[in-house]
Amino acid sequence: MSKKCKRTLTVVLSVLLALCLLALAAFLVVTHDWSGEPPVDVSGCTNPYISRTGAPMISAHRSGGGIAPENTLMAFRNVVESDFHVDIFEFDLALTADEELILLHDDTLDRTSNASEVFGYSGVYPSAHTYEELRQLNMGENFENAAGETPYRGLRGEDIPDDLRVLRLEDLFDFLDGYGEYRFIMEIKDSGERGKRAADEIYTILTERDMLSRAIIGTFHGEVTEYMDKTYPDMLRSAGVMEVAAFYFYSLLGIDQPDDFFHFVALQIPDEDYVIKLGTTRMVNYAHRHNIAVQYWTINDPDLAKDLAAKGADAIMSDYPDMICGLFE
């Protein structure tokens, strides 16, 4: 090999090594919490979703879907009549064919119910059927308890109790009226025009019940977010996907923003997403400096829940709210 070739190879290898080291450094930056910051003082924050008790608020994710069939009235009853306390209920909303708002986490009803059996096909979307048609379903069909049992499988027709049928938002609110003033985290599942109509319906229901301040609305659909900002600026919402990404880099780089820069009141995020570490004191502190609450999902690990609480998390969303509550009593 000539001297010229050796020099060229040395340069190429050096550049590759430098790029590898740079990539490793970038990976370490986004996957770890290097800030070492203590939580900031939140006594001056006005956002009611920022916790001032020294412990996070507890949210029943999918209404406590780990301990009862998710998003059913049975699950809500299981929580409100228990010996543990939650502050917030989290659930998702979708429009039926006749535009009733029902609680449903997935895009389809297949995973949680016997929809494919009842309607004769798989991939059953709520938008394809009316509310009354969906009332035929057993929403506890595939629930599995801690012992690995499926206690509600096989219930059909009149044997399905009302609290295991598809649940409308208004019926949920009617039920909870007698149990205190809970707060809510709601996600709009529909996109496009249906998503906008879902936002219309949510706003109408919340204003009629004087509940606007008790609910934070989120969506993964940018066009629905824009519609809410334009049409219902007084409706509280969480950050969208791109807003979370931008917020992360603002916090990472220490880029300050004016008070009116952010249009959301909460970040609803996982501890980690696509190797990016979102569960950091730096992220929480940056949010609190801008009067924004930080609510983490779906935290079913007690050690992780305690770690996020120590970093200043305002809410922990869990499928097992009974277990999470026991950590902070």
Protein backbone atom coordinates (compact mmCIF):
# COMPACT_ATOMS: atom_id res chain seq x y z
CA MET A 1 0.00 0.00 0.00
CA SER A 2 1.37 3.41 -0.97
CA LYS A 3 2.02 6.18 1.57
CA LYS A 4 -0.76 8.24 -0.05
CA CYS A 5 -3.27 5.41 0.38
CA LYS A 6 -2.19 4.94 4.02
CA ARG A 7 -2.67 8.65 4.74
CA THR A 8 -6.11 8.58 3.10
CA LEU A 9 -7.12 5.50 5.08
CA THR A 10 -5.89 7.10 8.31
CA VAL A 11 -7.96 10.24 7.62
CA VAL A 12 -11.08 8.19 6.78
CA LEU A 13 -10.72 6.07 9.92
CA SER A 14 -10.17 9.17 12.05
CA VAL A 15 -13.29 10.81 10.65
CA LEU A 16 -15.33 7.63 11.23
CA LEU A 17 -14.05 7.39 14.80
CA ALA A 18 -14.92 11.04 15.43
CA LEU A 19 -18.42 10.51 14.04
CA CYS A 20 -18.88 7.42 16.21
CA LEU A 21 -17.78 9.33 19.31
CA LEU A 22 -20.09 12.21 18.41
CA ALA A 23 -22.99 9.81 17.91
CA LEU A 24 -22.23 8.13 21.25
CA ALA A 25 -22.09 11.50 23.00
CA ALA A 26 -25.42 12.51 21.44
CA PHE A 27 -26.94 9.16 22.48
CA LEU A 28 -25.78 9.61 26.07
CA VAL A 29 -27.17 13.15 26.17
CA VAL A 30 -30.69 12.14 25.08
CA THR A 31 -30.92 8.88 27.04
CA HIS A 32 -29.77 10.01 30.49
CA ASP A 33 -30.56 12.71 33.01
CA TRP A 34 -27.27 14.54 33.47
CA SER A 35 -28.68 17.73 34.93
CA GLY A 36 -28.27 16.89 38.60
CA GLU A 37 -30.72 19.69 39.35
CA PRO A 38 -32.97 19.59 42.41
CA PRO A 39 -36.68 20.25 41.69
CA VAL A 40 -37.47 23.96 41.47
CA ASP A 41 -39.80 25.76 43.86
CA VAL A 42 -43.37 25.65 42.49
CA SER A 43 -45.03 27.81 45.14
CA GLY A 44 -45.41 30.64 42.64
CA CYS A 45 -47.04 28.50 39.93
CA THR A 46 -50.71 29.16 39.19
CA ASN A 47 -51.41 26.02 37.13
CA PRO A 48 -53.79 23.86 39.25
CA TYR A 49 -52.31 20.71 37.71
CA ILE A 50 -48.88 21.41 39.20
CA SER A 51 -48.63 19.48 42.48
CA ARG A 52 -47.68 21.49 45.56
CA THR A 53 -47.97 18.66 48.09
CA GLY A 54 -44.54 17.13 47.58
CA ALA A 55 -46.15 14.05 46.01
CA PRO A 56 -47.58 13.56 42.52
CA MET A 57 -51.27 13.40 41.78
CA ILE A 58 -52.42 9.84 41.03
CA SER A 59 -54.21 9.15 37.77
CA ALA A 60 -56.10 5.96 36.91
CA HIS A 61 -54.91 5.21 33.37
CA ARG A 62 -57.73 3.79 31.21
CA SER A 63 -59.78 4.11 34.43
CA GLY A 64 -57.52 1.62 36.22
CA GLY A 65 -57.50 -0.90 33.38
CA GLY A 66 -55.02 -3.20 35.12
CA ILE A 67 -57.41 -4.04 37.95
CA ALA A 68 -60.79 -3.99 36.13
CA PRO A 69 -61.96 -3.96 32.48
CA GLU A 70 -60.60 -0.71 31.08
CA ASN A 71 -62.83 2.27 30.38
CA THR A 72 -65.94 0.58 31.72
CA LEU A 73 -68.28 1.80 34.42
CA MET A 74 -67.17 -1.25 36.41
CA ALA A 75 -63.60 0.08 36.39
CA PHE A 76 -64.66 3.53 37.56
CA ARG A 77 -66.84 2.05 40.30
CA ASN A 78 -63.94 -0.16 41.34
CA VAL A 79 -61.80 2.94 41.90
CA VAL A 80 -64.28 5.34 43.51
CA GLU A 81 -65.65 2.72 45.92
CA SER A 82 -62.20 1.45 46.94
CA ASP A 83 -60.03 2.30 49.93
CA PHE A 84 -57.44 4.10 47.78
CA HIS A 85 -57.77 7.57 46.29
CA VAL A 86 -57.06 8.90 42.81
CA ASP A 87 -57.06 12.53 41.73
CA ILE A 88 -57.44 12.12 37.98
CA PHE A 89 -59.09 9.69 35.58
CA GLU A 90 -57.42 9.20 32.19
CA PHE A 91 -59.26 7.83 29.16
CA ASP A 92 -59.70 8.15 25.40
CA LEU A 93 -62.78 9.19 23.45
CA ALA A 94 -64.12 8.22 20.03
CA LEU A 95 -67.26 9.14 18.07
CA THR A 96 -69.78 6.47 17.09
CA ALA A 97 -71.66 6.49 13.77
CA ASP A 98 -74.40 8.58 15.39
CA GLU A 99 -71.73 10.80 16.96
CA GLU A 100 -71.98 9.76 20.57
CA LEU A 101 -68.75 10.11 22.52
CA ILE A 102 -67.69 6.74 23.96
CA LEU A 103 -64.66 5.70 26.00
CA LEU A 104 -62.26 3.57 23.94
CA HIS A 105 -58.48 3.40 23.97
CA ASP A 106 -57.78 1.60 20.69
CA ASP A 107 -58.84 2.62 17.20
CA THR A 108 -61.00 -0.51 17.07
CA LEU A 109 -63.07 -2.50 19.56
CA ASP A 110 -61.45 -5.85 18.75
CA ARG A 111 -58.93 -6.14 21.59
CA THR A 112 -61.22 -5.33 24.49
CA SER A 113 -64.58 -6.77 23.38
CA ASN A 114 -66.33 -9.49 21.38
CA ALA A 115 -66.94 -7.06 18.51
CA SER A 116 -65.64 -9.35 15.75
CA GLU A 117 -68.05 -12.08 16.88
CA VAL A 118 -71.06 -9.76 17.14
CA PHE A 119 -70.54 -7.95 13.84
CA GLY A 120 -68.99 -10.80 11.86
CA TYR A 121 -65.75 -9.11 10.85
CA SER A 122 -62.51 -7.90 12.42
CA GLY A 123 -61.31 -4.31 12.62
CA VAL A 124 -64.53 -2.91 14.09
CA TYR A 125 -64.30 0.88 14.30
CA PRO A 126 -66.74 2.78 16.53
CA SER A 127 -67.48 5.09 13.60
CA ALA A 128 -69.06 2.13 11.73
CA HIS A 129 -71.82 1.51 14.28
CA THR A 130 -74.33 3.43 16.37
CA TYR A 131 -74.11 3.67 20.13
CA GLU A 132 -77.08 1.29 20.53
CA GLU A 133 -75.43 -1.27 18.25
CA LEU A 134 -72.23 -1.07 20.27
CA ARG A 135 -74.21 -1.60 23.47
CA GLN A 136 -74.47 -5.27 22.46
CA LEU A 137 -70.77 -5.75 23.20
CA ASN A 138 -69.15 -7.25 26.28
CA MET A 139 -66.37 -4.78 27.06
CA GLY A 140 -64.93 -7.13 29.66
CA GLU A 141 -64.53 -10.03 27.24
CA ASN A 142 -60.74 -10.08 27.21
CA PHE A 143 -59.91 -8.62 30.60
CA GLU A 144 -57.36 -10.74 32.45
CA ASN A 145 -56.93 -10.38 36.18
CA ALA A 146 -53.75 -10.81 38.25
CA ALA A 147 -54.36 -14.56 38.50
CA GLY A 148 -54.50 -14.87 34.70
CA GLU A 149 -58.26 -15.46 34.73
CA THR A 150 -60.81 -13.97 32.33
CA PRO A 151 -63.83 -13.67 34.68
CA TYR A 152 -66.14 -11.86 32.24
CA ARG A 153 -65.47 -13.86 29.08
CA GLY A 154 -68.50 -15.43 27.46
CA LEU A 155 -71.13 -13.07 28.83
CA ARG A 156 -73.72 -12.42 26.13
CA GLY A 157 -77.05 -10.64 25.71
CA GLU A 158 -78.88 -9.89 28.94
CA ASP A 159 -76.12 -11.58 30.95
CA ILE A 160 -73.81 -8.63 30.22
CA PRO A 161 -74.14 -6.21 33.15
CA ASP A 162 -74.68 -2.56 32.26
CA ASP A 163 -71.35 -1.61 33.80
CA LEU A 164 -69.55 -3.79 31.22
CA ARG A 165 -71.18 -2.21 28.18
CA VAL A 166 -69.81 0.63 26.04
CA LEU A 167 -69.73 3.79 28.13
CA ARG A 168 -70.68 7.30 27.01
CA LEU A 169 -68.89 10.35 28.41
CA GLU A 170 -72.10 11.93 29.68
CA ASP A 171 -73.14 8.74 31.47
CA LEU A 172 -69.73 8.59 33.15
CA PHE A 173 -70.07 12.15 34.40
CA ASP A 174 -73.58 11.40 35.69
CA PHE A 175 -72.20 8.43 37.63
CA LEU A 176 -69.24 10.31 39.11
CA ASP A 177 -71.34 13.25 40.25
CA GLY A 178 -72.03 11.48 43.50
CA TYR A 179 -68.39 10.72 44.28
CA GLY A 180 -66.66 14.08 44.31
CA GLU A 181 -64.97 16.45 41.88
CA TYR A 182 -62.40 14.38 40.03
CA ARG A 183 -60.15 15.77 37.32
CA PHE A 184 -59.80 14.23 33.88
CA ILE A 185 -57.23 13.61 31.17
CA MET A 186 -58.99 12.90 27.87
CA GLU A 187 -57.56 12.05 24.47
CA ILE A 188 -59.47 12.53 21.22
CA LYS A 189 -58.88 9.44 19.08
CA ASP A 190 -60.54 10.65 15.86
CA SER A 191 -58.65 12.69 13.29
CA GLY A 192 -59.76 15.25 10.71
CA GLU A 193 -63.34 16.49 10.73
CA ARG A 194 -64.50 13.76 13.10
CA GLY A 195 -61.82 14.79 15.57
CA LYS A 196 -62.98 18.39 15.35
CA ARG A 197 -66.58 17.35 15.96
CA ALA A 198 -65.42 15.33 18.94
CA ALA A 199 -63.77 18.49 20.30
CA ASP A 200 -67.06 20.37 19.74
CA GLU A 201 -68.99 17.76 21.71
CA ILE A 202 -66.45 17.65 24.54
CA TYR A 203 -66.51 21.42 24.85
CA THR A 204 -70.31 21.49 24.91
CA ILE A 205 -70.51 18.82 27.62
CA LEU A 206 -67.81 20.41 29.77
CA THR A 207 -69.26 23.92 29.57
CA GLU A 208 -72.79 22.74 30.30
CA ARG A 209 -71.51 21.01 33.43
CA ASP A 210 -69.14 23.83 34.43
CA MET A 211 -66.20 21.41 34.17
CA LEU A 212 -63.80 23.16 31.78
CA SER A 213 -61.18 23.62 34.49
CA ARG A 214 -61.38 19.96 35.50
CA ALA A 215 -60.28 18.42 32.21
CA ILE A 216 -57.18 18.52 30.02
CA ILE A 217 -57.79 17.46 26.43
CA GLY A 218 -55.11 15.89 24.23
CA THR A 219 -54.78 14.44 20.75
CA PHE A 220 -52.08 13.05 18.48
CA HIS A 221 -53.66 14.83 15.50
CA GLY A 222 -52.19 18.26 14.74
CA GLU A 223 -55.22 19.48 12.82
CA VAL A 224 -57.43 18.82 15.86
CA THR A 225 -55.00 20.67 18.12
CA GLU A 226 -55.05 23.68 15.78
CA TYR A 227 -58.84 23.58 15.72
CA MET A 228 -59.06 23.55 19.52
CA ASP A 229 -56.66 26.47 19.82
CA LYS A 230 -58.62 28.52 17.30
CA THR A 231 -62.15 27.59 18.35
CA TYR A 232 -61.88 26.88 22.08
CA PRO A 233 -58.94 28.82 23.53
CA ASP A 234 -60.43 28.43 27.02
CA MET A 235 -60.35 24.62 26.83
CA LEU A 236 -57.25 23.26 28.57
CA ARG A 237 -55.09 21.01 26.44
CA SER A 238 -51.88 19.03 26.56
CA ALA A 239 -48.93 19.31 24.20
CA GLY A 240 -49.02 17.58 20.83
CA VAL A 241 -46.27 15.29 19.56
CA MET A 242 -44.25 17.96 17.76
CA GLU A 243 -44.71 20.36 20.67
CA VAL A 244 -43.27 17.77 23.06
CA ALA A 245 -40.28 17.24 20.76
CA ALA A 246 -39.62 20.98 20.55
CA PHE A 247 -40.11 21.38 24.30
CA TYR A 248 -37.54 18.67 24.98
CA PHE A 249 -34.87 20.44 22.96
CA TYR A 250 -35.72 23.83 24.47
CA SER A 251 -35.15 22.30 27.91
CA LEU A 252 -32.03 20.42 26.79
CA LEU A 253 -30.43 23.54 25.35
CA GLY A 254 -31.76 25.90 28.02
CA ILE A 255 -33.62 28.08 25.52
CA ASP A 256 -36.01 30.29 27.48
CA GLN A 257 -39.36 31.33 26.03
CA PRO A 258 -41.83 34.10 26.93
CA ASP A 259 -44.79 33.23 29.15
CA ASP A 260 -47.31 33.22 26.30
CA PHE A 261 -45.18 31.10 23.96
CA PHE A 262 -46.70 27.73 24.94
CA HIS A 263 -50.41 27.10 24.28
CA PHE A 264 -50.71 23.99 26.46
CA VAL A 265 -50.98 23.55 30.22
CA ALA A 266 -49.50 20.06 30.51
CA LEU A 267 -47.00 17.65 29.06
CA GLN A 268 -48.45 14.13 29.03
CA ILE A 269 -45.46 11.97 28.23
CA PRO A 270 -43.75 8.63 28.86
CA ASP A 271 -40.57 8.38 30.89
CA GLU A 272 -38.75 7.43 27.71
CA ASP A 273 -39.78 7.51 24.07
CA TYR A 274 -37.69 6.26 21.15
CA VAL A 275 -34.58 6.23 23.43
CA ILE A 276 -35.09 9.90 24.35
CA LYS A 277 -35.21 10.28 28.14
CA LEU A 278 -38.15 12.50 29.03
CA GLY A 279 -38.24 11.63 32.71
CA THR A 280 -35.60 14.14 33.80
CA THR A 281 -35.42 16.84 36.44
CA ARG A 282 -34.28 19.26 33.75
CA MET A 283 -37.46 18.59 31.72
CA VAL A 284 -39.72 18.95 34.77
CA ASN A 285 -37.98 22.09 36.02
CA TYR A 286 -38.14 23.76 32.60
CA ALA A 287 -41.88 23.00 32.48
CA HIS A 288 -42.48 24.37 35.98
CA ARG A 289 -40.57 27.56 35.16
CA HIS A 290 -43.15 28.04 32.40
CA ASN A 291 -46.13 27.09 34.62
CA ILE A 292 -46.68 23.80 32.81
CA ALA A 293 -47.57 20.52 34.55
CA VAL A 294 -45.74 17.26 33.76
CA GLN A 295 -47.83 14.08 33.80
CA TYR A 296 -46.19 10.71 33.06
CA TRP A 297 -47.76 7.64 31.46
CA THR A 298 -47.99 4.62 31.67
CA ILE A 299 -46.05 4.04 34.91
CA ASN A 300 -46.65 0.54 36.27
CA ASP A 301 -43.23 0.12 37.88
CA PRO A 302 -43.15 1.31 41.53
CA ASP A 303 -39.44 2.18 41.44
CA LEU A 304 -39.90 4.29 38.32
CA ALA A 305 -42.92 5.99 39.89
CA LYS A 306 -40.87 6.95 42.98
CA ASP A 307 -37.99 8.15 40.78
CA LEU A 308 -40.27 10.41 38.73
CA ALA A 309 -41.91 11.73 41.89
CA ALA A 310 -38.47 12.65 43.27
CA LYS A 311 -37.81 14.58 40.06
CA GLY A 312 -40.93 16.67 40.59
CA ALA A 313 -43.53 14.89 38.43
CA ASP A 314 -46.99 16.37 38.90
CA ALA A 315 -48.98 13.25 38.06
CA ILE A 316 -48.34 9.54 37.63
CA MET A 317 -50.74 7.73 35.31
CA SER A 318 -50.94 4.01 35.98
CA ASP A 319 -53.04 0.97 35.08
CA TYR A 320 -52.58 0.04 38.75
CA PRO A 321 -53.53 3.18 40.70
CA ASP A 322 -53.98 1.12 43.86
CA MET A 323 -50.30 0.16 43.78
CA ILE A 324 -49.13 3.71 42.97
CA CYS A 325 -51.26 5.21 45.74
CA GLY A 326 -49.62 2.91 48.25
CA LEU A 327 -46.23 4.41 47.43
CA PHE A 328 -47.15 7.93 48.54
CA GLU A 329 -49.39 7.38 51.55
